[in-house]
Amino acid sequence: MRLARLALTDVRAGTDALTALKRYPTKTGYIGKYALVAAYNEMVDKGEMAADAEILARIRMKPVRTLSGVTTVTVLTKHYPCPGKCIFCPDDVRMPKSYLPDEPGAMRGLHHKFDPYEQVASRLEALQAVGHPTDKIELLILGGTWSAYRRDYQEWFVKRCFDALNDINEETEISGMKSGDLPKSQQINESAQHRNVGLVVETRPDEVTLDELAWFRYLGVTKVQMGAQSLDDEILALNKRGHTVGELRRAMALLRAGGFKIVLHWMPNLLGATLESDREDFLHLWDGIAPDELKVYPTQLLENTELHEYWQRGEYKPYTTEELIALLADVKPSIPHYCRANRVIRDIPSPNVVEGNKRTSLRQDVHIEMKKRGTKCNCLRCREVRGSKIEVEKLKLDDLVYQAEDAEEHFISFVTPDDKVAGFLRLSLPDKNAPQTGIADLEGAAIIREVHVYGQSLEVGAEKRGSAQHAGLGTRLMKEAEQISLTRGFRRLAVIAAVGTRGYYLDRGFERGDLYLFKEIK
């Protein structure tokens, strides 16, 4: 710790963190950044130095993890039967469907025996140890088809996640659960140290119903991941996906009517697909389906799957790494400005892949290929300001309007002179064909589905010169959404608020409904 304190003193004097660390070698090598963070926390706790967001940003490990403005904590559910029979999907009895025990995130779930409290608590502790703020947490629940699990398990699982965020370690048996346990935990979280600013689950298109929308909101869900996999019914049938493109479109319309943010998975190289058909298939994603976020998961050939048997018979051949890079470089520039491409490959360790691409750094490879071609990607991830400083007075307000399933969508954003996004809002205006949710909060309402301001995640109340966060951009975006809604004839504005963001919207004139916050506008 003494060496770490000396190195931290150098950093405070203006030395680069890595340079400072190399000045103080130990018998076994150099001390790590984690030691700088520990020294910083100790000195702040003892009053030897004041908390300094700039210093912490310079010594933080892997700052990119929180550059989107929030800190993500991923947890896995236990193994449970999945209604899907997909031929490409692994099914390890130790893991939830489609996950392998040596995947990085899945390993943590297995280590903690899929206990939700332990997974969240240990992840918070690990993030704090390397200098990341943990007061704004997006909770990502993975594990097969969430909707297929028993609802009492779902409620218990989410409640225990909130217990960990609230630092309340009081276990309640599933069989002895009382009505109101989860709402109480949510109420506590509204002002807790670790506030939930987003709750994500994953499901299938054929599992999305009107009843499921209300249940999701009861749990606090704000974002839904869903496997589209292909926009071709023949390909879906060949791969035993178990749903049609029509069911996907219906699910998209329902989720959008409920105000949820939607992440779709798309899988090139499925059985029956070709490089040319995949290029064409990708374009159909923007024909009314229009996901907010996208995860590209190229099919990976794994043992103990039905697809492996097709390969053994010579009826399936994986794309090579070069073919895959070329394909992704072809399609990535076509992603609209409103969509964020979260992934272009799944992080499955290469020893599990029998044949085909084994590289997990495909995003870098694809961007290198695009640079050679003179093309670029305009997706939201490629355009976010991240840690760059901004000049608020130079930001331009942009309203991108596009048509989705039964709704007119507005992607309202603040953009820098070099076309980087500092903050955005997703506003959905349901049309006359939109599904009727039966939820009173949404009756006749325009819906704010997301408000997001970029920049390194800052602690609540903290400010950092030049940061997009805490510059009032969110409030200005909401005022613009209100004006657009009025001009389109809406007199009510609803928002799908995460538990930990309710206070933010209440302070801006919204009222509590049963499942959403809303305000009458005039």
Protein backbone atom coordinates (compact mmCIF):
# COMPACT_ATOMS: atom_id res chain seq x y z
CA MET A 1 0.00 0.00 0.00
CA ARG A 2 2.93 2.37 0.68
CA LEU A 3 4.12 2.11 -2.93
CA ALA A 4 0.59 2.58 -4.20
CA ARG A 5 0.22 5.76 -2.11
CA LEU A 6 3.50 7.09 -3.56
CA ALA A 7 2.34 6.32 -7.09
CA LEU A 8 -1.00 8.01 -6.40
CA THR A 9 0.85 11.12 -5.22
CA ASP A 10 2.60 11.21 -8.60
CA VAL A 11 -0.73 10.86 -10.42
CA ARG A 12 -2.15 13.76 -8.41
CA ALA A 13 0.85 15.81 -9.52
CA GLY A 14 -0.02 15.14 -13.16
CA THR A 15 1.87 11.94 -14.02
CA ASP A 16 0.17 9.36 -16.23
CA ALA A 17 -1.11 6.44 -14.13
CA LEU A 18 0.88 3.73 -15.94
CA THR A 19 4.07 5.80 -15.81
CA ALA A 20 3.59 6.36 -12.09
CA LEU A 21 3.11 2.63 -11.47
CA LYS A 22 6.34 1.76 -13.29
CA ARG A 23 8.32 4.01 -10.97
CA TYR A 24 7.63 1.70 -8.04
CA PRO A 25 8.45 -1.91 -9.01
CA THR A 26 8.01 -4.74 -6.52
CA LYS A 27 9.89 -8.03 -6.25
CA THR A 28 7.26 -9.70 -8.43
CA GLY A 29 6.78 -6.92 -10.98
CA TYR A 30 4.74 -3.73 -11.05
CA ILE A 31 1.80 -2.88 -8.83
CA GLY A 32 -1.53 -2.73 -10.64
CA LYS A 33 -4.14 -0.03 -11.08
CA TYR A 34 -6.31 -1.79 -8.52
CA ALA A 35 -3.69 -0.82 -5.91
CA LEU A 36 -3.99 2.83 -6.93
CA VAL A 37 -7.76 2.63 -6.51
CA ALA A 38 -7.37 1.01 -3.08
CA ALA A 39 -4.91 3.74 -2.02
CA TYR A 40 -7.28 6.41 -3.30
CA ASN A 41 -10.24 4.97 -1.36
CA GLU A 42 -8.15 4.67 1.81
CA MET A 43 -6.87 8.24 1.61
CA VAL A 44 -10.36 9.64 0.93
CA ASP A 45 -11.84 7.63 3.82
CA LYS A 46 -9.13 8.92 6.19
CA GLY A 47 -9.60 12.50 5.05
CA GLU A 48 -6.07 12.69 3.65
CA MET A 49 -7.43 13.87 0.29
CA ALA A 50 -10.75 15.07 -1.07
CA ALA A 51 -12.75 12.87 -3.44
CA ASP A 52 -11.73 13.83 -6.98
CA ALA A 53 -13.63 12.48 -10.00
CA GLU A 54 -10.82 13.47 -12.37
CA ILE A 55 -8.20 11.51 -10.40
CA LEU A 56 -10.46 8.48 -10.12
CA ALA A 57 -11.11 8.55 -13.87
CA ARG A 58 -7.35 8.43 -14.53
CA ILE A 59 -6.68 5.43 -12.30
CA ARG A 60 -9.88 3.45 -12.98
CA MET A 61 -9.44 0.00 -14.52
CA LYS A 62 -11.28 -0.65 -17.82
CA PRO A 63 -13.09 2.70 -17.89
CA VAL A 64 -14.95 1.72 -21.07
CA ARG A 65 -17.28 -0.43 -18.96
CA THR A 66 -19.02 2.64 -17.58
CA LEU A 67 -18.49 5.16 -20.40
CA SER A 68 -22.08 4.67 -21.55
CA GLY A 69 -23.20 6.46 -18.38
CA VAL A 70 -24.34 3.47 -16.32
CA THR A 71 -22.70 0.43 -14.73
CA THR A 72 -23.97 -2.95 -15.92
CA VAL A 73 -24.25 -5.93 -13.56
CA THR A 74 -24.98 -9.28 -15.22
CA VAL A 75 -26.59 -12.21 -13.37
CA LEU A 76 -27.66 -15.67 -14.54
CA THR A 77 -30.71 -17.71 -13.65
CA LYS A 78 -30.52 -21.42 -12.86
CA HIS A 79 -30.90 -24.24 -15.38
CA TYR A 80 -34.52 -24.62 -16.44
CA PRO A 81 -36.31 -26.26 -19.39
CA CYS A 82 -36.62 -23.97 -22.40
CA PRO A 83 -39.58 -24.19 -24.81
CA GLY A 84 -37.19 -23.75 -27.73
CA LYS A 85 -35.68 -26.70 -29.65
CA CYS A 86 -33.14 -24.72 -31.70
CA ILE A 87 -30.62 -27.01 -33.42
CA PHE A 88 -27.67 -24.65 -32.80
CA CYS A 89 -28.22 -24.24 -29.07
CA PRO A 90 -26.04 -26.01 -26.46
CA ASP A 91 -27.81 -27.47 -23.43
CA ASP A 92 -25.42 -28.10 -20.54
CA VAL A 93 -27.29 -29.51 -17.54
CA ARG A 94 -25.28 -27.22 -15.23
CA MET A 95 -26.30 -24.05 -17.06
CA PRO A 96 -29.38 -22.18 -18.27
CA LYS A 97 -30.20 -23.05 -21.90
CA SER A 98 -27.73 -21.79 -24.53
CA TYR A 99 -24.96 -20.92 -22.06
CA LEU A 100 -21.66 -22.73 -21.49
CA PRO A 101 -19.92 -23.01 -18.11
CA ASP A 102 -16.65 -21.45 -19.31
CA GLU A 103 -18.15 -18.26 -20.78
CA PRO A 104 -16.85 -15.29 -18.72
CA GLY A 105 -20.20 -14.04 -17.39
CA ALA A 106 -21.62 -17.53 -17.01
CA MET A 107 -18.66 -18.64 -14.91
CA ARG A 108 -19.59 -16.10 -12.25
CA GLY A 109 -23.15 -17.39 -12.15
CA LEU A 110 -21.99 -20.98 -11.78
CA HIS A 111 -19.48 -20.00 -9.09
CA HIS A 112 -22.26 -18.46 -7.00
CA LYS A 113 -24.66 -21.34 -7.73
CA PHE A 114 -26.93 -18.86 -9.53
CA ASP A 115 -27.84 -17.15 -6.27
CA PRO A 116 -29.07 -13.69 -7.33
CA TYR A 117 -28.04 -11.91 -4.14
CA GLU A 118 -24.50 -13.29 -4.17
CA GLN A 119 -24.03 -12.55 -7.88
CA VAL A 120 -25.05 -8.91 -7.52
CA ALA A 121 -23.23 -8.30 -4.24
CA SER A 122 -19.95 -9.81 -5.46
CA ARG A 123 -20.10 -7.89 -8.73
CA LEU A 124 -20.71 -4.60 -6.93
CA GLU A 125 -17.74 -5.29 -4.68
CA ALA A 126 -15.51 -6.13 -7.66
CA LEU A 127 -16.51 -3.00 -9.58
CA GLN A 128 -15.92 -0.76 -6.59
CA ALA A 129 -12.49 -2.32 -6.07
CA VAL A 130 -11.34 -1.17 -9.51
CA GLY A 131 -12.75 2.34 -9.24
CA HIS A 132 -16.13 2.15 -10.98
CA PRO A 133 -19.11 4.02 -9.53
CA THR A 134 -21.94 1.69 -8.55
CA ASP A 135 -24.77 4.06 -7.77
CA LYS A 136 -26.48 3.73 -11.20
CA ILE A 137 -26.85 0.05 -12.04
CA GLU A 138 -28.36 -1.56 -15.12
CA LEU A 139 -29.29 -5.10 -14.09
CA LEU A 140 -28.98 -7.62 -16.93
CA ILE A 141 -30.67 -10.96 -16.20
CA LEU A 142 -29.58 -13.73 -18.57
CA GLY A 143 -30.49 -17.38 -18.76
CA GLY A 144 -32.52 -18.87 -21.58
CA THR A 145 -36.16 -17.80 -21.83
CA TRP A 146 -37.09 -15.68 -18.81
CA SER A 147 -40.83 -16.03 -19.50
CA ALA A 148 -40.59 -19.82 -19.24
CA TYR A 149 -39.54 -19.72 -15.57
CA ARG A 150 -42.18 -19.97 -12.85
CA ARG A 151 -43.39 -16.54 -11.82
CA ASP A 152 -42.73 -17.10 -8.14
CA TYR A 153 -39.10 -17.84 -9.04
CA GLN A 154 -38.94 -14.72 -11.23
CA GLU A 155 -40.29 -12.51 -8.45
CA TRP A 156 -37.96 -14.02 -5.86
CA PHE A 157 -34.97 -13.68 -8.19
CA VAL A 158 -35.63 -10.00 -8.93
CA LYS A 159 -36.36 -9.23 -5.27
CA ARG A 160 -33.05 -10.76 -4.19
CA CYS A 161 -31.24 -8.68 -6.81
CA PHE A 162 -32.87 -5.58 -5.33
CA ASP A 163 -31.97 -6.77 -1.83
CA ALA A 164 -28.31 -6.84 -2.89
CA LEU A 165 -28.58 -3.37 -4.42
CA ASN A 166 -30.25 -2.18 -1.19
CA ASP A 167 -27.66 -3.99 0.97
CA ILE A 168 -30.41 -5.89 2.81
CA ASN A 169 -29.45 -9.52 3.25
CA GLU A 170 -32.70 -11.02 4.46
CA GLU A 171 -33.63 -14.21 2.61
CA THR A 172 -37.31 -15.06 2.07
CA GLU A 173 -38.27 -18.56 1.08
CA ILE A 174 -40.04 -18.77 -2.27
CA SER A 175 -42.88 -20.79 -0.78
CA GLY A 176 -43.34 -18.22 1.98
CA MET A 177 -43.36 -15.12 -0.18
CA LYS A 178 -45.90 -12.48 0.73
CA SER A 179 -47.59 -10.14 -1.70
CA GLY A 180 -45.80 -6.81 -1.68
CA ASP A 181 -42.30 -8.09 -0.90
CA LEU A 182 -40.92 -6.97 -4.25
CA PRO A 183 -42.68 -3.57 -4.35
CA LYS A 184 -41.25 -2.82 -0.91
CA SER A 185 -37.73 -3.62 -2.12
CA GLN A 186 -38.31 -1.43 -5.16
CA GLN A 187 -39.51 1.44 -2.98
CA ILE A 188 -36.36 1.20 -0.87
CA ASN A 189 -34.23 1.23 -4.01
CA GLU A 190 -35.63 4.59 -5.15
CA SER A 191 -33.24 6.27 -2.71
CA ALA A 192 -30.68 3.48 -2.17
CA GLN A 193 -26.92 3.76 -2.60
CA HIS A 194 -27.05 1.45 -5.65
CA ARG A 195 -30.07 2.52 -7.68
CA ASN A 196 -31.46 0.38 -10.47
CA VAL A 197 -31.63 2.50 -13.65
CA GLY A 198 -32.51 -0.36 -15.99
CA LEU A 199 -33.70 -3.97 -15.73
CA VAL A 200 -33.22 -6.31 -18.69
CA VAL A 201 -34.58 -9.81 -19.31
CA GLU A 202 -34.43 -12.05 -22.38
CA THR A 203 -37.30 -14.00 -23.92
CA ARG A 204 -38.70 -15.38 -27.19
CA PRO A 205 -41.14 -13.69 -29.62
CA ASP A 206 -43.78 -16.37 -29.06
CA GLU A 207 -43.70 -15.76 -25.29
CA VAL A 208 -44.63 -12.05 -25.51
CA THR A 209 -48.29 -11.44 -24.59
CA LEU A 210 -50.35 -8.55 -23.20
CA ASP A 211 -50.35 -10.24 -19.79
CA GLU A 212 -46.57 -10.57 -19.97
CA LEU A 213 -46.18 -6.81 -20.55
CA ALA A 214 -47.95 -6.00 -17.27
CA TRP A 215 -45.95 -8.67 -15.44
CA PHE A 216 -42.67 -7.29 -16.78
CA ARG A 217 -43.60 -3.86 -15.49
CA TYR A 218 -44.55 -5.25 -12.08
CA LEU A 219 -41.04 -6.72 -11.85
CA GLY A 220 -39.51 -3.39 -12.94
CA VAL A 221 -38.35 -4.52 -16.40
CA THR A 222 -37.49 -1.68 -18.81
CA LYS A 223 -35.66 -3.51 -21.63
CA VAL A 224 -36.28 -6.86 -23.34
CA GLN A 225 -33.76 -8.93 -25.29
CA MET A 226 -35.28 -11.23 -27.87
CA GLY A 227 -33.91 -13.66 -30.43
CA ALA A 228 -35.06 -12.87 -33.96
CA GLN A 229 -32.18 -14.97 -35.38
CA SER A 230 -33.54 -14.69 -38.95
CA LEU A 231 -36.20 -12.80 -40.92
CA ASP A 232 -36.89 -15.82 -43.15
CA ASP A 233 -39.59 -18.31 -42.14
CA GLU A 234 -37.94 -21.18 -44.02
CA ILE A 235 -34.63 -20.62 -42.23
CA LEU A 236 -36.41 -20.38 -38.87
CA ALA A 237 -38.22 -23.69 -39.55
CA LEU A 238 -35.02 -25.47 -40.69
CA ASN A 239 -33.32 -24.46 -37.44
CA LYS A 240 -36.38 -25.45 -35.34
CA ARG A 241 -36.62 -21.97 -33.91
CA GLY A 242 -40.28 -22.46 -33.00
CA HIS A 243 -41.70 -19.10 -34.10
CA THR A 244 -42.39 -17.20 -37.31
CA VAL A 245 -41.44 -13.75 -38.58
CA GLY A 246 -45.09 -12.78 -38.11
CA GLU A 247 -44.86 -13.65 -34.42
CA LEU A 248 -41.69 -11.59 -34.15
CA ARG A 249 -43.44 -8.56 -35.67
CA ARG A 250 -46.38 -8.99 -33.31
CA ALA A 251 -44.02 -9.22 -30.31
CA MET A 252 -42.19 -6.07 -31.45
CA ALA A 253 -45.48 -4.17 -31.73
CA LEU A 254 -46.57 -5.32 -28.25
CA LEU A 255 -43.28 -4.42 -26.59
CA ARG A 256 -43.20 -1.05 -28.31
CA ALA A 257 -46.79 -0.34 -27.24
CA GLY A 258 -45.64 -1.12 -23.70
CA GLY A 259 -42.77 1.36 -24.00
CA PHE A 260 -40.01 -1.23 -23.62
CA LYS A 261 -36.57 -0.80 -25.15
CA ILE A 262 -35.94 -3.72 -27.49
CA VAL A 263 -32.70 -5.59 -28.17
CA LEU A 264 -32.79 -8.12 -31.01
CA HIS A 265 -30.37 -10.97 -31.66
CA TRP A 266 -29.56 -11.79 -35.29
CA MET A 267 -27.65 -14.92 -36.36
CA PRO A 268 -25.91 -15.18 -39.73
CA ASN A 269 -24.73 -18.59 -40.97
CA LEU A 270 -27.76 -20.55 -39.76
CA LEU A 271 -28.54 -23.86 -41.43
CA GLY A 272 -29.84 -23.09 -44.93
CA ALA A 273 -28.46 -19.53 -45.05
CA THR A 274 -25.79 -18.28 -47.45
CA LEU A 275 -23.58 -15.20 -47.42
CA GLU A 276 -25.85 -13.58 -50.00
CA SER A 277 -29.10 -14.48 -48.21
CA ASP A 278 -27.67 -13.14 -44.94
CA ARG A 279 -26.82 -9.80 -46.57
CA GLU A 280 -30.41 -9.53 -47.77
CA ASP A 281 -31.86 -10.79 -44.49
CA PHE A 282 -30.04 -8.11 -42.49
CA LEU A 283 -31.79 -5.34 -44.41
CA HIS A 284 -35.21 -6.68 -43.36
CA LEU A 285 -34.37 -5.74 -39.74
CA TRP A 286 -35.05 -2.10 -40.65
CA ASP A 287 -38.32 -2.78 -42.46
CA GLY A 288 -40.73 -1.90 -39.65
CA ILE A 289 -39.03 -4.16 -37.10
CA ALA A 290 -36.50 -1.46 -36.19
CA PRO A 291 -34.83 -2.69 -32.97
CA ASP A 292 -33.29 -0.14 -30.61
CA GLU A 293 -30.22 -2.29 -30.06
CA LEU A 294 -28.75 -5.25 -31.93
CA LYS A 295 -26.55 -8.17 -31.01
CA VAL A 296 -25.07 -10.03 -33.96
CA TYR A 297 -24.34 -13.61 -32.92
CA PRO A 298 -22.82 -15.54 -35.85
CA THR A 299 -23.75 -19.21 -35.57
CA GLN A 300 -20.96 -21.12 -33.85
CA LEU A 301 -20.60 -24.85 -34.38
CA LEU A 302 -20.56 -26.56 -30.98
CA GLU A 303 -20.50 -30.20 -29.96
CA ASN A 304 -23.59 -31.79 -28.42
CA THR A 305 -25.93 -29.79 -30.63
CA GLU A 306 -28.17 -31.04 -33.42
CA LEU A 307 -26.38 -28.70 -35.83
CA HIS A 308 -23.17 -30.62 -35.13
CA GLU A 309 -24.85 -33.75 -36.53
CA TYR A 310 -25.72 -31.86 -39.72
CA TRP A 311 -22.06 -30.86 -40.01
CA GLN A 312 -20.90 -34.45 -39.51
CA ARG A 313 -23.13 -35.51 -42.39
CA GLY A 314 -21.69 -32.77 -44.59
CA GLU A 315 -24.99 -30.85 -44.65
CA TYR A 316 -23.69 -27.70 -42.94
CA LYS A 317 -20.52 -25.65 -43.29
CA PRO A 318 -19.54 -22.70 -41.08
CA TYR A 319 -18.30 -19.47 -42.63
CA THR A 320 -14.57 -18.87 -42.40
CA THR A 321 -13.29 -15.94 -40.34
CA GLU A 322 -12.49 -14.05 -43.55
CA GLU A 323 -15.99 -14.64 -44.96
CA LEU A 324 -17.56 -13.51 -41.70
CA ILE A 325 -15.49 -10.33 -41.50
CA ALA A 326 -16.40 -9.49 -45.11
CA LEU A 327 -20.10 -10.12 -44.43
CA LEU A 328 -20.18 -7.94 -41.31
CA ALA A 329 -18.21 -5.19 -43.06
CA ASP A 330 -20.86 -5.31 -45.81
CA VAL A 331 -23.87 -4.95 -43.50
CA LYS A 332 -22.64 -2.84 -40.57
CA PRO A 333 -22.71 0.50 -42.49
CA SER A 334 -26.44 -0.03 -43.12
CA ILE A 335 -27.35 0.11 -39.40
CA PRO A 336 -29.50 3.24 -38.83
CA HIS A 337 -28.39 6.05 -36.52
CA TYR A 338 -31.04 5.15 -33.91
CA CYS A 339 -29.80 1.58 -33.36
CA ARG A 340 -26.88 0.56 -31.16
CA ALA A 341 -24.88 -2.49 -32.30
CA ASN A 342 -23.89 -3.93 -28.92
CA ARG A 343 -22.05 -7.00 -30.20
CA VAL A 344 -20.87 -8.59 -33.43
CA ILE A 345 -19.77 -11.93 -31.90
CA ARG A 346 -20.65 -13.98 -28.86
CA ASP A 347 -17.84 -14.48 -26.34
CA ILE A 348 -17.70 -18.29 -26.50
CA PRO A 349 -14.20 -19.61 -25.67
CA SER A 350 -12.54 -20.95 -28.82
CA PRO A 351 -11.94 -24.53 -27.55
CA ASN A 352 -15.73 -25.05 -27.72
CA VAL A 353 -15.90 -24.14 -31.42
CA VAL A 354 -15.51 -27.20 -33.66
CA GLU A 355 -15.02 -25.46 -37.01
CA GLY A 356 -15.32 -21.93 -38.37
CA ASN A 357 -14.47 -18.62 -36.77
CA LYS A 358 -12.85 -18.77 -33.33
CA ARG A 359 -11.88 -15.12 -32.99
CA THR A 360 -13.75 -13.05 -30.41
CA SER A 361 -12.22 -9.73 -31.54
CA LEU A 362 -14.32 -9.52 -34.67
CA ARG A 363 -15.51 -5.95 -34.02
CA GLN A 364 -11.93 -4.69 -34.36
CA ASP A 365 -11.36 -6.86 -37.43
CA VAL A 366 -14.53 -5.57 -39.07
CA HIS A 367 -13.65 -1.93 -38.40
CA ILE A 368 -10.18 -2.47 -39.89
CA GLU A 369 -11.79 -3.96 -43.00
CA MET A 370 -14.28 -1.08 -43.24
CA LYS A 371 -11.46 1.44 -42.95
CA LYS A 372 -9.68 -0.26 -45.87
CA ARG A 373 -12.88 0.05 -47.90
CA GLY A 374 -13.45 3.67 -46.93
CA THR A 375 -16.75 2.90 -45.21
CA LYS A 376 -17.87 3.41 -41.62
CA CYS A 377 -20.60 2.39 -39.22
CA ASN A 378 -23.10 5.04 -38.08
CA CYS A 379 -24.71 3.00 -35.32
CA LEU A 380 -25.26 4.60 -31.94
CA ARG A 381 -22.36 2.76 -30.30
CA CYS A 382 -19.93 4.08 -32.89
CA ARG A 383 -21.25 7.65 -32.46
CA GLU A 384 -21.56 8.04 -28.67
CA VAL A 385 -19.26 10.63 -27.09
CA ARG A 386 -18.12 8.26 -24.35
CA GLY A 387 -15.45 10.03 -22.29
CA SER A 388 -14.88 12.93 -24.68
CA LYS A 389 -15.44 16.41 -23.32
CA ILE A 390 -18.28 18.37 -24.89
CA GLU A 391 -19.21 22.01 -25.29
CA VAL A 392 -22.91 22.13 -24.48
CA GLU A 393 -23.48 25.39 -26.37
CA LYS A 394 -22.25 23.75 -29.61
CA LEU A 395 -24.62 20.77 -29.46
CA LYS A 396 -27.30 20.50 -32.14
CA LEU A 397 -30.75 19.08 -31.44
CA ASP A 398 -31.71 16.44 -34.01
CA ASP A 399 -35.06 14.65 -34.44
CA LEU A 400 -34.79 11.46 -36.51
CA VAL A 401 -38.27 10.17 -37.40
CA TYR A 402 -38.84 6.61 -38.61
CA GLN A 403 -41.73 4.16 -38.88
CA ALA A 404 -41.84 1.02 -36.77
CA GLU A 405 -44.53 -1.60 -36.18
CA ASP A 406 -47.71 0.43 -35.49
CA ALA A 407 -45.85 3.49 -34.21
CA GLU A 408 -44.09 6.63 -35.35
CA GLU A 409 -40.73 6.72 -33.61
CA HIS A 410 -38.68 9.81 -32.80
CA PHE A 411 -35.00 9.45 -31.98
CA ILE A 412 -34.27 12.87 -30.47
CA SER A 413 -30.59 13.51 -29.82
CA PHE A 414 -28.00 16.14 -28.97
CA VAL A 415 -25.18 15.87 -31.49
CA THR A 416 -21.69 17.42 -31.46
CA PRO A 417 -20.24 19.23 -34.51
CA ASP A 418 -18.37 16.03 -35.44
CA ASP A 419 -21.61 13.96 -35.29
CA LYS A 420 -21.10 12.33 -31.88
CA VAL A 421 -24.17 11.72 -29.72
CA ALA A 422 -24.08 13.29 -26.25
CA GLY A 423 -27.57 12.24 -25.22
CA PHE A 424 -30.81 10.94 -26.72
CA LEU A 425 -34.46 10.18 -26.06
CA ARG A 426 -36.68 7.56 -27.69
CA LEU A 427 -40.28 8.77 -28.13
CA SER A 428 -42.96 6.41 -29.42
CA LEU A 429 -46.23 7.72 -30.86
CA PRO A 430 -48.66 4.78 -31.21
CA ASP A 431 -50.86 4.89 -34.32
CA LYS A 432 -54.45 3.71 -34.70
CA ASN A 433 -53.31 0.13 -35.39
CA ALA A 434 -51.16 -0.15 -32.26
CA PRO A 435 -52.06 -2.97 -29.85
CA GLN A 436 -54.29 -1.93 -26.96
CA THR A 437 -52.33 -2.87 -23.84
CA GLY A 438 -55.25 -2.52 -21.44
CA ILE A 439 -52.93 -0.59 -19.09
CA ALA A 440 -54.65 2.58 -17.88
CA ASP A 441 -51.36 4.51 -17.52
CA LEU A 442 -50.81 4.24 -21.29
CA GLU A 443 -54.30 5.10 -22.50
CA GLY A 444 -54.00 7.81 -25.15
CA ALA A 445 -50.35 8.40 -24.25
CA ALA A 446 -47.19 9.11 -26.17
CA ILE A 447 -44.43 7.06 -24.55
CA ILE A 448 -40.87 7.96 -23.62
CA ARG A 449 -39.10 4.61 -23.94
CA GLU A 450 -35.60 5.77 -23.02
CA VAL A 451 -33.65 8.82 -21.91
CA HIS A 452 -29.88 8.39 -21.96
CA VAL A 453 -27.03 10.85 -21.52
CA TYR A 454 -23.56 9.60 -22.33
CA GLY A 455 -20.21 10.05 -20.62
CA GLN A 456 -18.30 8.27 -17.86
CA SER A 457 -20.81 7.18 -15.23
CA LEU A 458 -20.72 9.71 -12.40
CA GLU A 459 -21.91 9.31 -8.86
CA VAL A 460 -25.27 10.88 -8.09
CA GLY A 461 -24.66 14.58 -7.42
CA ALA A 462 -21.13 14.52 -8.86
CA GLU A 463 -20.11 16.89 -11.62
CA LYS A 464 -17.24 16.76 -14.09
CA ARG A 465 -16.28 19.66 -16.34
CA GLY A 466 -17.06 18.87 -19.97
CA SER A 467 -19.15 15.78 -19.18
CA ALA A 468 -22.47 15.28 -20.96
CA GLN A 469 -23.95 13.93 -17.73
CA HIS A 470 -25.35 16.55 -15.35
CA ALA A 471 -25.49 19.20 -18.10
CA GLY A 472 -29.31 19.33 -18.16
CA LEU A 473 -29.55 17.50 -21.48
CA GLY A 474 -32.09 14.98 -20.19
CA THR A 475 -34.51 17.70 -19.12
CA ARG A 476 -34.15 19.50 -22.46
CA LEU A 477 -34.78 16.27 -24.37
CA MET A 478 -37.95 15.64 -22.36
CA LYS A 479 -39.27 19.14 -23.09
CA GLU A 480 -38.73 18.50 -26.79
CA ALA A 481 -40.57 15.16 -26.52
CA GLU A 482 -43.46 16.93 -24.82
CA GLN A 483 -43.72 19.50 -27.62
CA ILE A 484 -43.59 16.84 -30.36
CA SER A 485 -46.30 14.83 -28.58
CA LEU A 486 -48.55 17.91 -28.37
CA THR A 487 -48.16 18.70 -32.05
CA ARG A 488 -49.18 15.12 -32.87
CA GLY A 489 -52.38 15.43 -30.81
CA PHE A 490 -51.33 13.59 -27.64
CA ARG A 491 -52.40 15.02 -24.29
CA ARG A 492 -50.66 12.49 -22.06
CA LEU A 493 -46.98 11.59 -21.88
CA ALA A 494 -45.97 8.32 -20.18
CA VAL A 495 -42.48 7.08 -19.33
CA ILE A 496 -41.25 3.55 -18.61
CA ALA A 497 -39.14 4.50 -15.61
CA ALA A 498 -36.73 2.13 -13.93
CA VAL A 499 -37.13 1.90 -10.17
CA GLY A 500 -34.07 4.02 -9.42
CA THR A 501 -35.05 6.76 -11.90
CA ARG A 502 -38.58 7.37 -10.60
CA GLY A 503 -37.43 10.32 -8.52
CA TYR A 504 -35.85 11.95 -11.58
CA TYR A 505 -39.16 11.95 -13.45
CA LEU A 506 -41.26 12.86 -10.42
CA ASP A 507 -39.09 15.96 -10.01
CA ARG A 508 -40.01 16.90 -13.60
CA GLY A 509 -43.76 16.87 -13.22
CA PHE A 510 -44.64 13.22 -13.72
CA GLU A 511 -47.08 11.35 -11.46
CA ARG A 512 -47.09 7.76 -10.26
CA GLY A 513 -49.40 5.39 -12.10
CA ASP A 514 -49.89 1.70 -11.46
CA LEU A 515 -47.04 0.56 -13.71
CA TYR A 516 -45.71 3.71 -15.40
CA LEU A 517 -45.18 7.38 -14.61
CA PHE A 518 -47.22 9.88 -16.60
CA LYS A 519 -48.13 13.55 -16.93
CA GLU A 520 -50.97 15.39 -18.60
CA ILE A 521 -49.61 17.86 -21.16
CA LYS A 522 -51.23 21.00 -22.54
